[in-house]
């Protein structure tokens, strides 16, 4: 079994000098499952790999711990956090509630420019579904969500959702998205875009559509835990 350094090198990471750069490199390795739940982040190996001292590395670990990606165990070390069924059951209802609120607030702030941008991402998602390109679909799916989140007008809400979506990004890597999943998701996003752009639509209806879409993740079969 390859060691930590071999795993990181195979992912194309180069030496870095700042705590934030190290943190982002480790985030990428965790999210794309180069590093797995339970893997230990050995300080001496990572210091040598990234060319940093202990201080910025430990700062990076604390950052990842706040994001829910690692566990720091006293006298044992830092480990990539494992995903459990409880994580899924607890995460998505909270994300759904906050994103639903953001969508409701954005509905009252919609502009022609924002409508065009949502439509562009929706068109890209449709093209991805037509070509069974799951990776492209997920990329534009993420951008679609961030558009209405970032225009809700509430900085605290935006920051809270972005943190939750980072945690949710890791969860989504444990669900095997398929072209059929993407087709189902596309239908919902068409409805979300239509409701957001319709001034006569009840804001609570927009909120509920987004909540139902996200909470649906809890009941899906196929999680790889």
C-alpha atoms as a PDB file:
ATOM      1  CA  UNK A   1       0.000   0.000   0.000  1.00  0.00           C
ATOM      2  CA  UNK A   2       1.494   3.413  -0.962  1.00  0.00           C
ATOM      3  CA  UNK A   3       2.529   5.716   1.849  1.00  0.00           C
ATOM      4  CA  UNK A   4       1.272   9.258   2.403  1.00  0.00           C
ATOM      5  CA  UNK A   5       4.047  10.887   0.354  1.00  0.00           C
ATOM      6  CA  UNK A   6       3.453   8.558  -2.595  1.00  0.00           C
ATOM      7  CA  UNK A   7      -0.288   9.296  -2.537  1.00  0.00           C
ATOM      8  CA  UNK A   8       0.263  13.040  -2.521  1.00  0.00           C
ATOM      9  CA  UNK A   9       2.953  12.958  -5.197  1.00  0.00           C
ATOM     10  CA  UNK A  10       0.738  10.888  -7.471  1.00  0.00           C
ATOM     11  CA  UNK A  11      -1.888  13.644  -7.216  1.00  0.00           C
ATOM     12  CA  UNK A  12       0.587  16.165  -8.645  1.00  0.00           C
ATOM     13  CA  UNK A  13       1.185  18.314  -5.561  1.00  0.00           C
ATOM     14  CA  UNK A  14       4.318  20.462  -5.392  1.00  0.00           C
ATOM     15  CA  UNK A  15       6.113  21.967  -2.419  1.00  0.00           C
ATOM     16  CA  UNK A  16       4.259  24.891  -0.833  1.00  0.00           C
ATOM     17  CA  UNK A  17       5.253  27.404   1.795  1.00  0.00           C
ATOM     18  CA  UNK A  18       2.083  28.874   3.299  1.00  0.00           C
ATOM     19  CA  UNK A  19      -0.419  27.275   5.671  1.00  0.00           C
ATOM     20  CA  UNK A  20      -3.365  28.151   3.431  1.00  0.00           C
ATOM     21  CA  UNK A  21      -1.704  26.600   0.386  1.00  0.00           C
ATOM     22  CA  UNK A  22      -0.995  23.422   2.339  1.00  0.00           C
ATOM     23  CA  UNK A  23      -4.574  23.353   3.612  1.00  0.00           C
ATOM     24  CA  UNK A  24      -6.023  23.708   0.114  1.00  0.00           C
ATOM     25  CA  UNK A  25      -3.737  20.974  -1.232  1.00  0.00           C
ATOM     26  CA  UNK A  26      -4.895  18.626   1.518  1.00  0.00           C
ATOM     27  CA  UNK A  27      -8.548  19.596   0.930  1.00  0.00           C
ATOM     28  CA  UNK A  28      -8.204  18.644  -2.731  1.00  0.00           C
ATOM     29  CA  UNK A  29      -6.572  15.323  -1.840  1.00  0.00           C
ATOM     30  CA  UNK A  30      -9.374  14.535   0.619  1.00  0.00           C
ATOM     31  CA  UNK A  31     -12.204  15.574  -1.684  1.00  0.00           C
ATOM     32  CA  UNK A  32     -10.941  13.600  -4.674  1.00  0.00           C
ATOM     33  CA  UNK A  33     -10.298  10.631  -2.347  1.00  0.00           C
ATOM     34  CA  UNK A  34      -6.549  10.525  -2.877  1.00  0.00           C
ATOM     35  CA  UNK A  35      -6.622  10.450   0.921  1.00  0.00           C
ATOM     36  CA  UNK A  36      -9.272   8.261   2.540  1.00  0.00           C
ATOM     37  CA  UNK A  37     -11.153   8.327   5.811  1.00  0.00           C
ATOM     38  CA  UNK A  38      -8.858   7.063   8.565  1.00  0.00           C
ATOM     39  CA  UNK A  39      -5.609   7.982   6.783  1.00  0.00           C
ATOM     40  CA  UNK A  40      -3.148   9.598   9.163  1.00  0.00           C
ATOM     41  CA  UNK A  41      -1.588  12.915   8.134  1.00  0.00           C
ATOM     42  CA  UNK A  42       1.931  12.293   9.370  1.00  0.00           C
ATOM     43  CA  UNK A  43       3.565  15.605  10.205  1.00  0.00           C
ATOM     44  CA  UNK A  44       7.147  14.641   9.369  1.00  0.00           C
ATOM     45  CA  UNK A  45       6.172  13.333   5.923  1.00  0.00           C
ATOM     46  CA  UNK A  46       4.089  16.392   5.073  1.00  0.00           C
ATOM     47  CA  UNK A  47       6.749  18.822   6.326  1.00  0.00           C
ATOM     48  CA  UNK A  48       9.206  17.263   3.923  1.00  0.00           C
ATOM     49  CA  UNK A  49       6.687  17.023   1.065  1.00  0.00           C
ATOM     50  CA  UNK A  50       5.520  20.645   1.260  1.00  0.00           C
ATOM     51  CA  UNK A  51       8.782  22.158   2.455  1.00  0.00           C
ATOM     52  CA  UNK A  52       7.224  23.772   5.540  1.00  0.00           C
ATOM     53  CA  UNK A  53       7.890  23.810   9.269  1.00  0.00           C
ATOM     54  CA  UNK A  54       5.609  22.334  11.912  1.00  0.00           C
ATOM     55  CA  UNK A  55       3.834  25.646  12.655  1.00  0.00           C
ATOM     56  CA  UNK A  56       2.115  26.281   9.274  1.00  0.00           C
ATOM     57  CA  UNK A  57       1.330  22.584   8.933  1.00  0.00           C
ATOM     58  CA  UNK A  58      -0.471  22.518  12.274  1.00  0.00           C
ATOM     59  CA  UNK A  59      -2.287  25.717  11.307  1.00  0.00           C
ATOM     60  CA  UNK A  60      -3.460  23.925   8.158  1.00  0.00           C
ATOM     61  CA  UNK A  61      -4.634  20.968  10.269  1.00  0.00           C
ATOM     62  CA  UNK A  62      -6.688  23.292  12.486  1.00  0.00           C
ATOM     63  CA  UNK A  63      -8.257  24.831   9.385  1.00  0.00           C
ATOM     64  CA  UNK A  64      -9.236  21.397   8.068  1.00  0.00           C
ATOM     65  CA  UNK A  65     -10.604  20.423  11.469  1.00  0.00           C
ATOM     66  CA  UNK A  66     -12.910  23.476  11.414  1.00  0.00           C
ATOM     67  CA  UNK A  67     -14.137  22.397   7.983  1.00  0.00           C
ATOM     68  CA  UNK A  68     -14.975  18.947   9.312  1.00  0.00           C
ATOM     69  CA  UNK A  69     -12.423  17.178   7.117  1.00  0.00           C
ATOM     70  CA  UNK A  70      -9.954  15.880   9.717  1.00  0.00           C
ATOM     71  CA  UNK A  71      -9.895  14.843  13.356  1.00  0.00           C
ATOM     72  CA  UNK A  72      -7.041  15.906  15.624  1.00  0.00           C
ATOM     73  CA  UNK A  73      -6.596  13.283  18.328  1.00  0.00           C
ATOM     74  CA  UNK A  74      -4.380  14.284  21.281  1.00  0.00           C
ATOM     75  CA  UNK A  75      -1.168  12.248  21.501  1.00  0.00           C
ATOM     76  CA  UNK A  76      -2.215  10.198  18.449  1.00  0.00           C
ATOM     77  CA  UNK A  77      -2.117  12.574  15.503  1.00  0.00           C
ATOM     78  CA  UNK A  78      -4.331  13.998  12.764  1.00  0.00           C
ATOM     79  CA  UNK A  79      -6.565  11.719  10.701  1.00  0.00           C
ATOM     80  CA  UNK A  80      -8.820  12.193   7.692  1.00  0.00           C
ATOM     81  CA  UNK A  81     -12.366  12.060   9.022  1.00  0.00           C
ATOM     82  CA  UNK A  82     -14.477   9.051   8.071  1.00  0.00           C
ATOM     83  CA  UNK A  83     -17.970   9.522   6.617  1.00  0.00           C
ATOM     84  CA  UNK A  84     -20.895   7.838   8.356  1.00  0.00           C
ATOM     85  CA  UNK A  85     -24.625   7.539   7.773  1.00  0.00           C
ATOM     86  CA  UNK A  86     -25.115   9.975  10.653  1.00  0.00           C
ATOM     87  CA  UNK A  87     -23.065  12.598   8.787  1.00  0.00           C
ATOM     88  CA  UNK A  88     -25.478  12.345   5.863  1.00  0.00           C
ATOM     89  CA  UNK A  89     -28.607  12.400   8.021  1.00  0.00           C
ATOM     90  CA  UNK A  90     -27.401  15.437   9.960  1.00  0.00           C
ATOM     91  CA  UNK A  91     -25.880  17.431   7.114  1.00  0.00           C
ATOM     92  CA  UNK A  92     -28.468  17.663   4.365  1.00  0.00           C
ATOM     93  CA  UNK A  93     -31.503  18.889   6.356  1.00  0.00           C
ATOM     94  CA  UNK A  94     -29.416  21.809   7.663  1.00  0.00           C
ATOM     95  CA  UNK A  95     -27.988  22.633   4.241  1.00  0.00           C
ATOM     96  CA  UNK A  96     -31.481  22.376   2.756  1.00  0.00           C
ATOM     97  CA  UNK A  97     -32.937  24.821   5.288  1.00  0.00           C
ATOM     98  CA  UNK A  98     -30.210  27.416   4.752  1.00  0.00           C
ATOM     99  CA  UNK A  99     -30.129  27.135   0.954  1.00  0.00           C
ATOM    100  CA  UNK A 100     -33.913  27.319   0.834  1.00  0.00           C
ATOM    101  CA  UNK A 101     -33.726  30.570   2.786  1.00  0.00           C
ATOM    102  CA  UNK A 102     -31.052  31.906   0.424  1.00  0.00           C
ATOM    103  CA  UNK A 103     -33.190  31.046  -2.614  1.00  0.00           C
ATOM    104  CA  UNK A 104     -36.199  32.806  -1.067  1.00  0.00           C
ATOM    105  CA  UNK A 105     -34.154  35.947  -0.442  1.00  0.00           C
ATOM    106  CA  UNK A 106     -32.587  35.869  -3.912  1.00  0.00           C
ATOM    107  CA  UNK A 107     -36.036  35.588  -5.516  1.00  0.00           C
ATOM    108  CA  UNK A 108     -36.759  39.148  -4.362  1.00  0.00           C
ATOM    109  CA  UNK A 109     -33.426  40.380  -5.749  1.00  0.00           C
ATOM    110  CA  UNK A 110     -33.403  38.760  -9.183  1.00  0.00           C
ATOM    111  CA  UNK A 111     -32.050  40.801 -12.087  1.00  0.00           C
ATOM    112  CA  UNK A 112     -31.977  40.114 -15.837  1.00  0.00           C
ATOM    113  CA  UNK A 113     -28.219  39.565 -15.593  1.00  0.00           C
ATOM    114  CA  UNK A 114     -28.576  36.966 -12.845  1.00  0.00           C
ATOM    115  CA  UNK A 115     -31.360  35.234 -14.751  1.00  0.00           C
ATOM    116  CA  UNK A 116     -29.099  35.017 -17.820  1.00  0.00           C
ATOM    117  CA  UNK A 117     -26.255  33.506 -15.815  1.00  0.00           C
ATOM    118  CA  UNK A 118     -28.516  30.895 -14.236  1.00  0.00           C
ATOM    119  CA  UNK A 119     -29.863  30.073 -17.694  1.00  0.00           C
ATOM    120  CA  UNK A 120     -26.321  29.676 -19.052  1.00  0.00           C
ATOM    121  CA  UNK A 121     -25.407  27.148 -16.363  1.00  0.00           C
ATOM    122  CA  UNK A 122     -28.721  25.365 -16.868  1.00  0.00           C
ATOM    123  CA  UNK A 123     -27.999  25.099 -20.603  1.00  0.00           C
ATOM    124  CA  UNK A 124     -24.543  23.686 -19.818  1.00  0.00           C
ATOM    125  CA  UNK A 125     -26.154  21.126 -17.498  1.00  0.00           C
ATOM    126  CA  UNK A 126     -28.582  20.152 -20.250  1.00  0.00           C
ATOM    127  CA  UNK A 127     -25.698  19.702 -22.705  1.00  0.00           C
ATOM    128  CA  UNK A 128     -23.852  17.581 -20.142  1.00  0.00           C
ATOM    129  CA  UNK A 129     -26.901  15.354 -19.667  1.00  0.00           C
ATOM    130  CA  UNK A 130     -27.254  14.971 -23.428  1.00  0.00           C
ATOM    131  CA  UNK A 131     -23.657  13.695 -23.650  1.00  0.00           C
ATOM    132  CA  UNK A 132     -23.740  11.704 -20.370  1.00  0.00           C
ATOM    133  CA  UNK A 133     -20.921  13.891 -19.049  1.00  0.00           C
ATOM    134  CA  UNK A 134     -21.392  13.585 -15.283  1.00  0.00           C
ATOM    135  CA  UNK A 135     -18.275  15.599 -14.367  1.00  0.00           C
ATOM    136  CA  UNK A 136     -19.358  18.559 -16.494  1.00  0.00           C
ATOM    137  CA  UNK A 137     -22.870  18.384 -15.090  1.00  0.00           C
ATOM    138  CA  UNK A 138     -21.623  18.450 -11.500  1.00  0.00           C
ATOM    139  CA  UNK A 139     -19.330  21.397 -12.243  1.00  0.00           C
ATOM    140  CA  UNK A 140     -22.159  23.565 -13.585  1.00  0.00           C
ATOM    141  CA  UNK A 141     -24.540  22.245 -10.923  1.00  0.00           C
ATOM    142  CA  UNK A 142     -22.197  23.641  -8.282  1.00  0.00           C
ATOM    143  CA  UNK A 143     -21.947  27.001 -10.071  1.00  0.00           C
ATOM    144  CA  UNK A 144     -25.733  27.178 -10.458  1.00  0.00           C
ATOM    145  CA  UNK A 145     -26.194  26.813  -6.706  1.00  0.00           C
ATOM    146  CA  UNK A 146     -23.473  29.304  -5.840  1.00  0.00           C
ATOM    147  CA  UNK A 147     -25.100  31.931  -8.067  1.00  0.00           C
ATOM    148  CA  UNK A 148     -28.362  32.126  -6.166  1.00  0.00           C
ATOM    149  CA  UNK A 149     -26.611  31.658  -2.816  1.00  0.00           C
ATOM    150  CA  UNK A 150     -24.173  34.521  -3.435  1.00  0.00           C
ATOM    151  CA  UNK A 151     -26.963  36.924  -4.438  1.00  0.00           C
ATOM    152  CA  UNK A 152     -29.154  36.446  -1.349  1.00  0.00           C
ATOM    153  CA  UNK A 153     -27.823  39.671   0.219  1.00  0.00           C
ATOM    154  CA  UNK A 154     -26.919  38.115   3.591  1.00  0.00           C
ATOM    155  CA  UNK A 155     -23.163  37.724   4.148  1.00  0.00           C
ATOM    156  CA  UNK A 156     -23.507  35.528   7.223  1.00  0.00           C
ATOM    157  CA  UNK A 157     -25.896  33.198   5.426  1.00  0.00           C
ATOM    158  CA  UNK A 158     -23.561  33.003   2.423  1.00  0.00           C
ATOM    159  CA  UNK A 159     -20.577  32.121   4.612  1.00  0.00           C
ATOM    160  CA  UNK A 160     -22.538  29.470   6.530  1.00  0.00           C
ATOM    161  CA  UNK A 161     -23.769  27.821   3.334  1.00  0.00           C
ATOM    162  CA  UNK A 162     -20.340  27.883   1.716  1.00  0.00           C
ATOM    163  CA  UNK A 163     -18.904  26.080   4.747  1.00  0.00           C
ATOM    164  CA  UNK A 164     -21.707  23.516   4.633  1.00  0.00           C
ATOM    165  CA  UNK A 165     -21.291  23.009   0.898  1.00  0.00           C
ATOM    166  CA  UNK A 166     -17.584  22.323   1.388  1.00  0.00           C
ATOM    167  CA  UNK A 167     -18.478  19.592   3.862  1.00  0.00           C
ATOM    168  CA  UNK A 168     -21.201  18.418   1.494  1.00  0.00           C
ATOM    169  CA  UNK A 169     -18.726  18.260  -1.380  1.00  0.00           C
ATOM    170  CA  UNK A 170     -16.886  15.530   0.488  1.00  0.00           C
ATOM    171  CA  UNK A 171     -20.136  13.707   1.189  1.00  0.00           C
ATOM    172  CA  UNK A 172     -21.065  13.814  -2.491  1.00  0.00           C
ATOM    173  CA  UNK A 173     -17.849  11.977  -3.369  1.00  0.00           C
ATOM    174  CA  UNK A 174     -19.312   9.008  -1.506  1.00  0.00           C
ATOM    175  CA  UNK A 175     -22.365   8.928  -3.749  1.00  0.00           C
ATOM    176  CA  UNK A 176     -21.927   7.364  -7.237  1.00  0.00           C
ATOM    177  CA  UNK A 177     -23.568   9.986  -9.448  1.00  0.00           C
ATOM    178  CA  UNK A 178     -24.834   8.533 -12.718  1.00  0.00           C
ATOM    179  CA  UNK A 179     -26.260  10.030 -15.928  1.00  0.00           C
ATOM    180  CA  UNK A 180     -29.722   9.045 -14.684  1.00  0.00           C
ATOM    181  CA  UNK A 181     -29.153  10.958 -11.415  1.00  0.00           C
ATOM    182  CA  UNK A 182     -28.128  13.967 -13.492  1.00  0.00           C
ATOM    183  CA  UNK A 183     -31.291  13.768 -15.607  1.00  0.00           C
ATOM    184  CA  UNK A 184     -33.439  13.703 -12.472  1.00  0.00           C
ATOM    185  CA  UNK A 185     -31.509  16.621 -11.011  1.00  0.00           C
ATOM    186  CA  UNK A 186     -31.825  18.622 -14.229  1.00  0.00           C
ATOM    187  CA  UNK A 187     -35.606  18.542 -14.028  1.00  0.00           C
ATOM    188  CA  UNK A 188     -35.494  20.052 -10.544  1.00  0.00           C
ATOM    189  CA  UNK A 189     -33.030  22.759 -11.565  1.00  0.00           C
ATOM    190  CA  UNK A 190     -35.244  23.774 -14.467  1.00  0.00           C
ATOM    191  CA  UNK A 191     -38.022  24.308 -11.939  1.00  0.00           C
ATOM    192  CA  UNK A 192     -35.746  26.242  -9.565  1.00  0.00           C
ATOM    193  CA  UNK A 193     -34.575  28.541 -12.373  1.00  0.00           C
ATOM    194  CA  UNK A 194     -38.141  29.092 -13.559  1.00  0.00           C
ATOM    195  CA  UNK A 195     -39.402  29.931 -10.062  1.00  0.00           C
ATOM    196  CA  UNK A 196     -36.484  32.237  -9.271  1.00  0.00           C
ATOM    197  CA  UNK A 197     -37.115  34.188 -12.460  1.00  0.00           C
ATOM    198  CA  UNK A 198     -40.891  34.440 -11.952  1.00  0.00           C
ATOM    199  CA  UNK A 199     -41.812  37.507  -9.909  1.00  0.00           C
ATOM    200  CA  UNK A 200     -45.350  36.160  -9.419  1.00  0.00           C
ATOM    201  CA  UNK A 201     -44.079  32.941  -7.820  1.00  0.00           C
ATOM    202  CA  UNK A 202     -44.562  32.703  -4.049  1.00  0.00           C
ATOM    203  CA  UNK A 203     -41.076  33.032  -2.436  1.00  0.00           C
ATOM    204  CA  UNK A 204     -41.990  30.228  -0.040  1.00  0.00           C
ATOM    205  CA  UNK A 205     -42.559  27.942  -3.025  1.00  0.00           C
ATOM    206  CA  UNK A 206     -39.056  28.680  -4.277  1.00  0.00           C
ATOM    207  CA  UNK A 207     -37.697  27.955  -0.802  1.00  0.00           C
ATOM    208  CA  UNK A 208     -39.561  24.649  -0.586  1.00  0.00           C
ATOM    209  CA  UNK A 209     -38.414  23.484  -4.025  1.00  0.00           C
ATOM    210  CA  UNK A 210     -34.770  24.014  -3.066  1.00  0.00           C
ATOM    211  CA  UNK A 211     -35.241  22.359   0.330  1.00  0.00           C
ATOM    212  CA  UNK A 212     -36.901  19.295  -1.188  1.00  0.00           C
ATOM    213  CA  UNK A 213     -34.126  19.004  -3.783  1.00  0.00           C
ATOM    214  CA  UNK A 214     -31.331  18.988  -1.201  1.00  0.00           C
ATOM    215  CA  UNK A 215     -33.101  16.894   1.445  1.00  0.00           C
ATOM    216  CA  UNK A 216     -33.664  14.227  -1.207  1.00  0.00           C
ATOM    217  CA  UNK A 217     -29.998  13.266  -0.840  1.00  0.00           C
ATOM    218  CA  UNK A 218     -30.751  11.703   2.562  1.00  0.00           C
ATOM    219  CA  UNK A 219     -33.092   9.101   1.072  1.00  0.00           C
ATOM    220  CA  UNK A 220     -31.065   8.113  -1.969  1.00  0.00           C
ATOM    221  CA  UNK A 221     -29.694   4.586  -2.155  1.00  0.00           C
ATOM    222  CA  UNK A 222     -26.135   3.782  -3.150  1.00  0.00           C
ATOM    223  CA  UNK A 223     -24.002   5.682  -0.628  1.00  0.00           C
ATOM    224  CA  UNK A 224     -20.506   4.151  -0.493  1.00  0.00           C
ATOM    225  CA  UNK A 225     -19.738   4.249   3.240  1.00  0.00           C
END
